[in-house]
Amino acid sequence: MKLVPLADRVVLKQLEAETKTESGIILTSSAQEKPQEAEVIAVGPGTDKVKMEVSVGQKVIYSKYSGTNVKLGNEEYIIVKQADILAVVE
């Protein structure tokens, strides 16, 4: 199966949470903060008013409380509007 977003929606795959702090402390799963960085998996066609500015494979930072979580098979994805994407990581 494949997710194909409509209009100005983008399918993201969240990157793994950090398991260790910069100083070397190992974090338990309950202490790990949900990362706001994700990889773009699929991009909708856009609308007459919204031109899509991200493309598949880019890493992006998105709003913390945005989107809809979807599980497809063993994979989890987040579907967000393009407006919820704050930046592209280069």
PDB file of N, CA and C in Angstrom:
ATOM      1  N   MET A   1       0.828  -1.187   0.000  1.00  0.00           N
ATOM      2  CA  MET A   1       0.000   0.000   0.000  1.00  0.00           C
ATOM      3  C   MET A   1       0.870   1.247   0.000  1.00  0.00           C
ATOM      4  N   LYS A   2       0.285   2.321  -0.494  1.00  0.00           N
ATOM      5  CA  LYS A   2       1.035   3.566  -0.629  1.00  0.00           C
ATOM      6  C   LYS A   2       0.128   4.723  -0.230  1.00  0.00           C
ATOM      7  N   LEU A   3       0.660   5.680   0.505  1.00  0.00           N
ATOM      8  CA  LEU A   3      -0.095   6.878   0.866  1.00  0.00           C
ATOM      9  C   LEU A   3       0.110   7.943  -0.203  1.00  0.00           C
ATOM     10  N   VAL A   4      -0.992   8.455  -0.732  1.00  0.00           N
ATOM     11  CA  VAL A   4      -0.933   9.520  -1.738  1.00  0.00           C
ATOM     12  C   VAL A   4      -1.713  10.706  -1.177  1.00  0.00           C
ATOM     13  N   PRO A   5      -1.017  11.760  -0.732  1.00  0.00           N
ATOM     14  CA  PRO A   5      -1.700  12.906  -0.129  1.00  0.00           C
ATOM     15  C   PRO A   5      -2.466  13.731  -1.158  1.00  0.00           C
ATOM     16  N   LEU A   6      -3.529  14.359  -0.711  1.00  0.00           N
ATOM     17  CA  LEU A   6      -4.347  15.208  -1.556  1.00  0.00           C
ATOM     18  C   LEU A   6      -4.042  16.673  -1.286  1.00  0.00           C
ATOM     19  N   ALA A   7      -4.339  17.505  -2.261  1.00  0.00           N
ATOM     20  CA  ALA A   7      -4.224  18.968  -2.155  1.00  0.00           C
ATOM     21  C   ALA A   7      -2.853  19.387  -1.637  1.00  0.00           C
ATOM     22  N   ASP A   8      -2.823  20.163  -0.538  1.00  0.00           N
ATOM     23  CA  ASP A   8      -1.552  20.700  -0.029  1.00  0.00           C
ATOM     24  C   ASP A   8      -1.036  19.912   1.172  1.00  0.00           C
ATOM     25  N   ARG A   9      -1.298  18.626   1.190  1.00  0.00           N
ATOM     26  CA  ARG A   9      -0.870  17.788   2.304  1.00  0.00           C
ATOM     27  C   ARG A   9       0.461  17.098   1.975  1.00  0.00           C
ATOM     28  N   VAL A  10       1.208  16.770   3.034  1.00  0.00           N
ATOM     29  CA  VAL A  10       2.521  16.136   2.906  1.00  0.00           C
ATOM     30  C   VAL A  10       2.574  14.975   3.880  1.00  0.00           C
ATOM     31  N   VAL A  11       3.082  13.821   3.425  1.00  0.00           N
ATOM     32  CA  VAL A  11       3.264  12.657   4.296  1.00  0.00           C
ATOM     33  C   VAL A  11       4.704  12.674   4.796  1.00  0.00           C
ATOM     34  N   LEU A  12       4.858  12.606   6.129  1.00  0.00           N
ATOM     35  CA  LEU A  12       6.176  12.650   6.761  1.00  0.00           C
ATOM     36  C   LEU A  12       6.435  11.367   7.534  1.00  0.00           C
ATOM     37  N   LYS A  13       7.688  10.955   7.592  1.00  0.00           N
ATOM     38  CA  LYS A  13       8.107   9.855   8.454  1.00  0.00           C
ATOM     39  C   LYS A  13       9.028  10.462   9.495  1.00  0.00           C
ATOM     40  N   GLN A  14       8.584  10.389  10.730  1.00  0.00           N
ATOM     41  CA  GLN A  14       9.323  11.019  11.821  1.00  0.00           C
ATOM     42  C   GLN A  14      10.670  10.340  12.018  1.00  0.00           C
ATOM     43  N   LEU A  15      11.708  11.136  12.242  1.00  0.00           N
ATOM     44  CA  LEU A  15      13.037  10.597  12.511  1.00  0.00           C
ATOM     45  C   LEU A  15      13.076  10.057  13.928  1.00  0.00           C
ATOM     46  N   GLU A  16      13.999   9.167  14.178  1.00  0.00           N
ATOM     47  CA  GLU A  16      14.112   8.526  15.489  1.00  0.00           C
ATOM     48  C   GLU A  16      14.451   9.531  16.582  1.00  0.00           C
ATOM     49  N   ALA A  17      13.882   9.317  17.768  1.00  0.00           N
ATOM     50  CA  ALA A  17      14.163  10.167  18.923  1.00  0.00           C
ATOM     51  C   ALA A  17      15.581   9.896  19.415  1.00  0.00           C
ATOM     52  N   GLU A  18      16.199  10.934  19.945  1.00  0.00           N
ATOM     53  CA  GLU A  18      17.543  10.783  20.501  1.00  0.00           C
ATOM     54  C   GLU A  18      17.479   9.863  21.725  1.00  0.00           C
ATOM     55  N   THR A  19      18.405   8.907  21.788  1.00  0.00           N
ATOM     56  CA  THR A  19      18.439   7.992  22.928  1.00  0.00           C
ATOM     57  C   THR A  19      19.525   8.375  23.925  1.00  0.00           C
ATOM     58  N   LYS A  20      20.344   9.361  23.553  1.00  0.00           N
ATOM     59  CA  LYS A  20      21.449   9.775  24.409  1.00  0.00           C
ATOM     60  C   LYS A  20      21.609  11.286  24.327  1.00  0.00           C
ATOM     61  N   THR A  21      21.882  11.928  25.451  1.00  0.00           N
ATOM     62  CA  THR A  21      22.114  13.367  25.454  1.00  0.00           C
ATOM     63  C   THR A  21      23.521  13.648  24.937  1.00  0.00           C
ATOM     64  N   GLU A  22      23.820  14.912  24.678  1.00  0.00           N
ATOM     65  CA  GLU A  22      25.158  15.284  24.199  1.00  0.00           C
ATOM     66  C   GLU A  22      26.242  14.936  25.211  1.00  0.00           C
ATOM     67  N   SER A  23      25.872  14.940  26.497  1.00  0.00           N
ATOM     68  CA  SER A  23      26.866  14.624  27.531  1.00  0.00           C
ATOM     69  C   SER A  23      26.993  13.121  27.776  1.00  0.00           C
ATOM     70  N   GLY A  24      26.191  12.307  27.051  1.00  0.00           N
ATOM     71  CA  GLY A  24      26.345  10.861  27.148  1.00  0.00           C
ATOM     72  C   GLY A  24      25.337  10.164  28.039  1.00  0.00           C
ATOM     73  N   ILE A  25      24.379  10.886  28.591  1.00  0.00           N
ATOM     74  CA  ILE A  25      23.368  10.265  29.442  1.00  0.00           C
ATOM     75  C   ILE A  25      22.352   9.550  28.554  1.00  0.00           C
ATOM     76  N   ILE A  26      22.090   8.270  28.850  1.00  0.00           N
ATOM     77  CA  ILE A  26      21.136   7.490  28.076  1.00  0.00           C
ATOM     78  C   ILE A  26      19.733   7.779  28.600  1.00  0.00           C
ATOM     79  N   LEU A  27      18.817   8.121  27.666  1.00  0.00           N
ATOM     80  CA  LEU A  27      17.450   8.471  28.032  1.00  0.00           C
ATOM     81  C   LEU A  27      16.532   7.250  27.945  1.00  0.00           C
ATOM     82  N   THR A  28      15.632   7.109  28.915  1.00  0.00           N
ATOM     83  CA  THR A  28      14.626   6.058  28.830  1.00  0.00           C
ATOM     84  C   THR A  28      13.592   6.466  27.795  1.00  0.00           C
ATOM     85  N   SER A  29      12.791   5.535  27.341  1.00  0.00           N
ATOM     86  CA  SER A  29      11.809   5.849  26.296  1.00  0.00           C
ATOM     87  C   SER A  29      10.789   6.881  26.771  1.00  0.00           C
ATOM     88  N   SER A  30      10.478   6.910  28.060  1.00  0.00           N
ATOM     89  CA  SER A  30       9.519   7.892  28.568  1.00  0.00           C
ATOM     90  C   SER A  30      10.120   9.294  28.654  1.00  0.00           C
ATOM     91  N   ALA A  31      11.442   9.397  28.722  1.00  0.00           N
ATOM     92  CA  ALA A  31      12.103  10.700  28.819  1.00  0.00           C
ATOM     93  C   ALA A  31      12.462  11.276  27.450  1.00  0.00           C
ATOM     94  N   GLN A  32      12.345  10.453  26.412  1.00  0.00           N
ATOM     95  CA  GLN A  32      12.702  10.921  25.075  1.00  0.00           C
ATOM     96  C   GLN A  32      11.602  11.828  24.543  1.00  0.00           C
ATOM     97  N   GLU A  33      12.003  12.992  24.069  1.00  0.00           N
ATOM     98  CA  GLU A  33      11.038  13.931  23.501  1.00  0.00           C
ATOM     99  C   GLU A  33      10.793  13.591  22.039  1.00  0.00           C
ATOM    100  N   LYS A  34       9.538  13.684  21.630  1.00  0.00           N
ATOM    101  CA  LYS A  34       9.163  13.415  20.250  1.00  0.00           C
ATOM    102  C   LYS A  34       9.873  14.425  19.343  1.00  0.00           C
ATOM    103  N   PRO A  35      10.670  13.947  18.388  1.00  0.00           N
ATOM    104  CA  PRO A  35      11.381  14.891  17.517  1.00  0.00           C
ATOM    105  C   PRO A  35      10.423  15.603  16.577  1.00  0.00           C
ATOM    106  N   GLN A  36      10.775  16.809  16.188  1.00  0.00           N
ATOM    107  CA  GLN A  36       9.971  17.574  15.252  1.00  0.00           C
ATOM    108  C   GLN A  36      10.597  17.533  13.864  1.00  0.00           C
ATOM    109  N   GLU A  37      11.584  16.684  13.691  1.00  0.00           N
ATOM    110  CA  GLU A  37      12.258  16.554  12.407  1.00  0.00           C
ATOM    111  C   GLU A  37      11.773  15.282  11.723  1.00  0.00           C
ATOM    112  N   ALA A  38      11.502  15.380  10.418  1.00  0.00           N
ATOM    113  CA  ALA A  38      10.972  14.237   9.678  1.00  0.00           C
ATOM    114  C   ALA A  38      11.460  14.262   8.239  1.00  0.00           C
ATOM    115  N   GLU A  39      11.294  13.130   7.566  1.00  0.00           N
ATOM    116  CA  GLU A  39      11.629  13.023   6.151  1.00  0.00           C
ATOM    117  C   GLU A  39      10.340  13.044   5.349  1.00  0.00           C
ATOM    118  N   VAL A  40      10.348  13.762   4.237  1.00  0.00           N
ATOM    119  CA  VAL A  40       9.172  13.844   3.368  1.00  0.00           C
ATOM    120  C   VAL A  40       9.086  12.550   2.560  1.00  0.00           C
ATOM    121  N   ILE A  41       7.946  11.856   2.683  1.00  0.00           N
ATOM    122  CA  ILE A  41       7.713  10.590   1.993  1.00  0.00           C
ATOM    123  C   ILE A  41       6.896  10.796   0.723  1.00  0.00           C
ATOM    124  N   ALA A  42       5.887  11.679   0.791  1.00  0.00           N
ATOM    125  CA  ALA A  42       5.031  11.949  -0.373  1.00  0.00           C
ATOM    126  C   ALA A  42       4.502  13.374  -0.280  1.00  0.00           C
ATOM    127  N   VAL A  43       4.243  13.979  -1.437  1.00  0.00           N
ATOM    128  CA  VAL A  43       3.774  15.363  -1.508  1.00  0.00           C
ATOM    129  C   VAL A  43       2.543  15.416  -2.396  1.00  0.00           C
ATOM    130  N   GLY A  44       1.505  16.110  -1.923  1.00  0.00           N
ATOM    131  CA  GLY A  44       0.293  16.292  -2.719  1.00  0.00           C
ATOM    132  C   GLY A  44       0.548  17.218  -3.895  1.00  0.00           C
ATOM    133  N   PRO A  45      -0.421  17.332  -4.808  1.00  0.00           N
ATOM    134  CA  PRO A  45      -0.236  18.146  -6.008  1.00  0.00           C
ATOM    135  C   PRO A  45      -0.335  19.649  -5.778  1.00  0.00           C
ATOM    136  N   GLY A  46      -0.800  20.064  -4.595  1.00  0.00           N
ATOM    137  CA  GLY A  46      -0.994  21.486  -4.338  1.00  0.00           C
ATOM    138  C   GLY A  46      -2.384  21.913  -4.765  1.00  0.00           C
ATOM    139  N   THR A  47      -2.654  23.193  -4.687  1.00  0.00           N
ATOM    140  CA  THR A  47      -3.945  23.731  -5.111  1.00  0.00           C
ATOM    141  C   THR A  47      -3.687  24.955  -5.984  1.00  0.00           C
ATOM    142  N   ASP A  48      -4.765  25.577  -6.436  1.00  0.00           N
ATOM    143  CA  ASP A  48      -4.615  26.795  -7.234  1.00  0.00           C
ATOM    144  C   ASP A  48      -3.916  27.895  -6.447  1.00  0.00           C
ATOM    145  N   LYS A  49      -4.135  27.910  -5.130  1.00  0.00           N
ATOM    146  CA  LYS A  49      -3.569  28.961  -4.274  1.00  0.00           C
ATOM    147  C   LYS A  49      -2.275  28.556  -3.582  1.00  0.00           C
ATOM    148  N   VAL A  50      -1.995  27.244  -3.507  1.00  0.00           N
ATOM    149  CA  VAL A  50      -0.817  26.773  -2.766  1.00  0.00           C
ATOM    150  C   VAL A  50       0.104  25.990  -3.692  1.00  0.00           C
ATOM    151  N   LYS A  51       1.308  26.522  -3.897  1.00  0.00           N
ATOM    152  CA  LYS A  51       2.338  25.835  -4.681  1.00  0.00           C
ATOM    153  C   LYS A  51       3.172  25.004  -3.704  1.00  0.00           C
ATOM    154  N   MET A  52       3.396  23.753  -4.024  1.00  0.00           N
ATOM    155  CA  MET A  52       4.153  22.880  -3.128  1.00  0.00           C
ATOM    156  C   MET A  52       5.639  23.243  -3.195  1.00  0.00           C
ATOM    157  N   GLU A  53       6.240  23.450  -2.023  1.00  0.00           N
ATOM    158  CA  GLU A  53       7.632  23.905  -1.944  1.00  0.00           C
ATOM    159  C   GLU A  53       8.585  22.842  -1.401  1.00  0.00           C
ATOM    160  N   VAL A  54       8.048  21.692  -0.986  1.00  0.00           N
ATOM    161  CA  VAL A  54       8.898  20.608  -0.493  1.00  0.00           C
ATOM    162  C   VAL A  54       8.840  19.457  -1.484  1.00  0.00           C
ATOM    163  N   SER A  55       9.840  18.591  -1.424  1.00  0.00           N
ATOM    164  CA  SER A  55       9.862  17.438  -2.319  1.00  0.00           C
ATOM    165  C   SER A  55      10.262  16.190  -1.543  1.00  0.00           C
ATOM    166  N   VAL A  56       9.963  15.053  -2.124  1.00  0.00           N
ATOM    167  CA  VAL A  56      10.239  13.762  -1.495  1.00  0.00           C
ATOM    168  C   VAL A  56      11.730  13.645  -1.190  1.00  0.00           C
ATOM    169  N   GLY A  57      12.036  13.152   0.013  1.00  0.00           N
ATOM    170  CA  GLY A  57      13.421  12.946   0.423  1.00  0.00           C
ATOM    171  C   GLY A  57      14.008  14.066   1.263  1.00  0.00           C
ATOM    172  N   GLN A  58      13.385  15.245   1.246  1.00  0.00           N
ATOM    173  CA  GLN A  58      13.902  16.350   2.059  1.00  0.00           C
ATOM    174  C   GLN A  58      13.632  16.092   3.539  1.00  0.00           C
ATOM    175  N   LYS A  59      14.509  16.627   4.375  1.00  0.00           N
ATOM    176  CA  LYS A  59      14.286  16.596   5.818  1.00  0.00           C
ATOM    177  C   LYS A  59      13.715  17.937   6.218  1.00  0.00           C
ATOM    178  N   VAL A  60      12.667  17.910   7.035  1.00  0.00           N
ATOM    179  CA  VAL A  60      11.964  19.134   7.403  1.00  0.00           C
ATOM    180  C   VAL A  60      11.714  19.171   8.906  1.00  0.00           C
ATOM    181  N   ILE A  61      11.427  20.374   9.386  1.00  0.00           N
ATOM    182  CA  ILE A  61      10.990  20.577  10.769  1.00  0.00           C
ATOM    183  C   ILE A  61       9.557  21.061  10.691  1.00  0.00           C
ATOM    184  N   TYR A  62       8.683  20.419  11.484  1.00  0.00           N
ATOM    185  CA  TYR A  62       7.266  20.747  11.432  1.00  0.00           C
ATOM    186  C   TYR A  62       6.759  21.166  12.809  1.00  0.00           C
ATOM    187  N   SER A  63       5.587  21.794  12.839  1.00  0.00           N
ATOM    188  CA  SER A  63       4.991  22.259  14.092  1.00  0.00           C
ATOM    189  C   SER A  63       4.744  21.086  15.029  1.00  0.00           C
ATOM    190  N   LYS A  64       4.986  21.317  16.301  1.00  0.00           N
ATOM    191  CA  LYS A  64       4.952  20.255  17.297  1.00  0.00           C
ATOM    192  C   LYS A  64       3.604  19.544  17.406  1.00  0.00           C
ATOM    193  N   TYR A  65       2.513  20.279  17.383  1.00  0.00           N
ATOM    194  CA  TYR A  65       1.202  19.670  17.606  1.00  0.00           C
ATOM    195  C   TYR A  65       0.363  19.610  16.339  1.00  0.00           C
ATOM    196  N   SER A  66       0.996  19.493  15.200  1.00  0.00           N
ATOM    197  CA  SER A  66       0.253  19.495  13.941  1.00  0.00           C
ATOM    198  C   SER A  66       0.154  18.084  13.371  1.00  0.00           C
ATOM    199  N   GLY A  67      -0.742  17.930  12.436  1.00  0.00           N
ATOM    200  CA  GLY A  67      -0.824  16.703  11.666  1.00  0.00           C
ATOM    201  C   GLY A  67      -1.670  15.610  12.271  1.00  0.00           C
ATOM    202  N   THR A  68      -1.816  14.562  11.478  1.00  0.00           N
ATOM    203  CA  THR A  68      -2.577  13.380  11.863  1.00  0.00           C
ATOM    204  C   THR A  68      -1.651  12.180  11.782  1.00  0.00           C
ATOM    205  N   ASN A  69      -1.566  11.417  12.870  1.00  0.00           N
ATOM    206  CA  ASN A  69      -0.732  10.220  12.881  1.00  0.00           C
ATOM    207  C   ASN A  69      -1.491   9.077  12.220  1.00  0.00           C
ATOM    208  N   VAL A  70      -0.794   8.351  11.336  1.00  0.00           N
ATOM    209  CA  VAL A  70      -1.395   7.250  10.591  1.00  0.00           C
ATOM    210  C   VAL A  70      -0.442   6.063  10.652  1.00  0.00           C
ATOM    211  N   LYS A  71      -1.005   4.867  10.877  1.00  0.00           N
ATOM    212  CA  LYS A  71      -0.181   3.656  10.856  1.00  0.00           C
ATOM    213  C   LYS A  71      -0.601   2.847   9.640  1.00  0.00           C
ATOM    214  N   LEU A  72       0.364   2.508   8.796  1.00  0.00           N
ATOM    215  CA  LEU A  72       0.119   1.730   7.592  1.00  0.00           C
ATOM    216  C   LEU A  72       1.089   0.560   7.609  1.00  0.00           C
ATOM    217  N   GLY A  73       0.574  -0.632   7.825  1.00  0.00           N
ATOM    218  CA  GLY A  73       1.441  -1.797   7.997  1.00  0.00           C
ATOM    219  C   GLY A  73       2.206  -1.649   9.303  1.00  0.00           C
ATOM    220  N   ASN A  74       3.513  -1.772   9.249  1.00  0.00           N
ATOM    221  CA  ASN A  74       4.356  -1.615  10.441  1.00  0.00           C
ATOM    222  C   ASN A  74       4.929  -0.211  10.573  1.00  0.00           C
ATOM    223  N   GLU A  75       4.637   0.648   9.620  1.00  0.00           N
ATOM    224  CA  GLU A  75       5.201   2.004   9.595  1.00  0.00           C
ATOM    225  C   GLU A  75       4.204   3.035  10.114  1.00  0.00           C
ATOM    226  N   GLU A  76       4.738   4.064  10.794  1.00  0.00           N
ATOM    227  CA  GLU A  76       3.910   5.173  11.261  1.00  0.00           C
ATOM    228  C   GLU A  76       4.292   6.434  10.496  1.00  0.00           C
ATOM    229  N   TYR A  77       3.276   7.176  10.086  1.00  0.00           N
ATOM    230  CA  TYR A  77       3.474   8.396   9.319  1.00  0.00           C
ATOM    231  C   TYR A  77       2.681   9.537   9.951  1.00  0.00           C
ATOM    232  N   ILE A  78       3.017  10.751   9.541  1.00  0.00           N
ATOM    233  CA  ILE A  78       2.285  11.945   9.955  1.00  0.00           C
ATOM    234  C   ILE A  78       1.872  12.665   8.680  1.00  0.00           C
ATOM    235  N   ILE A  79       0.591  13.004   8.584  1.00  0.00           N
ATOM    236  CA  ILE A  79       0.112  13.762   7.432  1.00  0.00           C
ATOM    237  C   ILE A  79      -0.152  15.185   7.901  1.00  0.00           C
ATOM    238  N   VAL A  80       0.551  16.143   7.291  1.00  0.00           N
ATOM    239  CA  VAL A  80       0.435  17.550   7.682  1.00  0.00           C
ATOM    240  C   VAL A  80       0.121  18.401   6.452  1.00  0.00           C
ATOM    241  N   LYS A  81      -0.411  19.590   6.699  1.00  0.00           N
ATOM    242  CA  LYS A  81      -0.548  20.569   5.620  1.00  0.00           C
ATOM    243  C   LYS A  81       0.832  21.188   5.415  1.00  0.00           C
ATOM    244  N   GLN A  82       1.120  21.618   4.198  1.00  0.00           N
ATOM    245  CA  GLN A  82       2.416  22.233   3.934  1.00  0.00           C
ATOM    246  C   GLN A  82       2.673  23.436   4.849  1.00  0.00           C
ATOM    247  N   ALA A  83       1.614  24.148   5.225  1.00  0.00           N
ATOM    248  CA  ALA A  83       1.754  25.325   6.085  1.00  0.00           C
ATOM    249  C   ALA A  83       2.292  24.962   7.474  1.00  0.00           C
ATOM    250  N   ASP A  84       2.153  23.686   7.881  1.00  0.00           N
ATOM    251  CA  ASP A  84       2.664  23.237   9.179  1.00  0.00           C
ATOM    252  C   ASP A  84       4.152  22.921   9.149  1.00  0.00           C
ATOM    253  N   ILE A  85       4.747  22.907   7.957  1.00  0.00           N
ATOM    254  CA  ILE A  85       6.183  22.686   7.836  1.00  0.00           C
ATOM    255  C   ILE A  85       6.882  24.029   8.007  1.00  0.00           C
ATOM    256  N   LEU A  86       7.772  24.087   8.976  1.00  0.00           N
ATOM    257  CA  LEU A  86       8.417  25.353   9.346  1.00  0.00           C
ATOM    258  C   LEU A  86       9.709  25.611   8.577  1.00  0.00           C
ATOM    259  N   ALA A  87      10.459  24.556   8.280  1.00  0.00           N
ATOM    260  CA  ALA A  87      11.762  24.749   7.626  1.00  0.00           C
ATOM    261  C   ALA A  87      12.228  23.463   6.962  1.00  0.00           C
ATOM    262  N   VAL A  88      13.114  23.620   6.000  1.00  0.00           N
ATOM    263  CA  VAL A  88      13.792  22.487   5.364  1.00  0.00           C
ATOM    264  C   VAL A  88      15.189  22.425   5.952  1.00  0.00           C
ATOM    265  N   VAL A  89      15.639  21.224   6.342  1.00  0.00           N
ATOM    266  CA  VAL A  89      16.969  21.040   6.911  1.00  0.00           C
ATOM    267  C   VAL A  89      17.926  20.702   5.775  1.00  0.00           C
ATOM    268  N   GLU A  90      18.967  21.513   5.604  1.00  0.00           N
ATOM    269  CA  GLU A  90      19.954  21.280   4.529  1.00  0.00           C
ATOM    270  C   GLU A  90      21.267  20.859   5.101  1.00  0.00           C
TER     271      GLU A  90
END
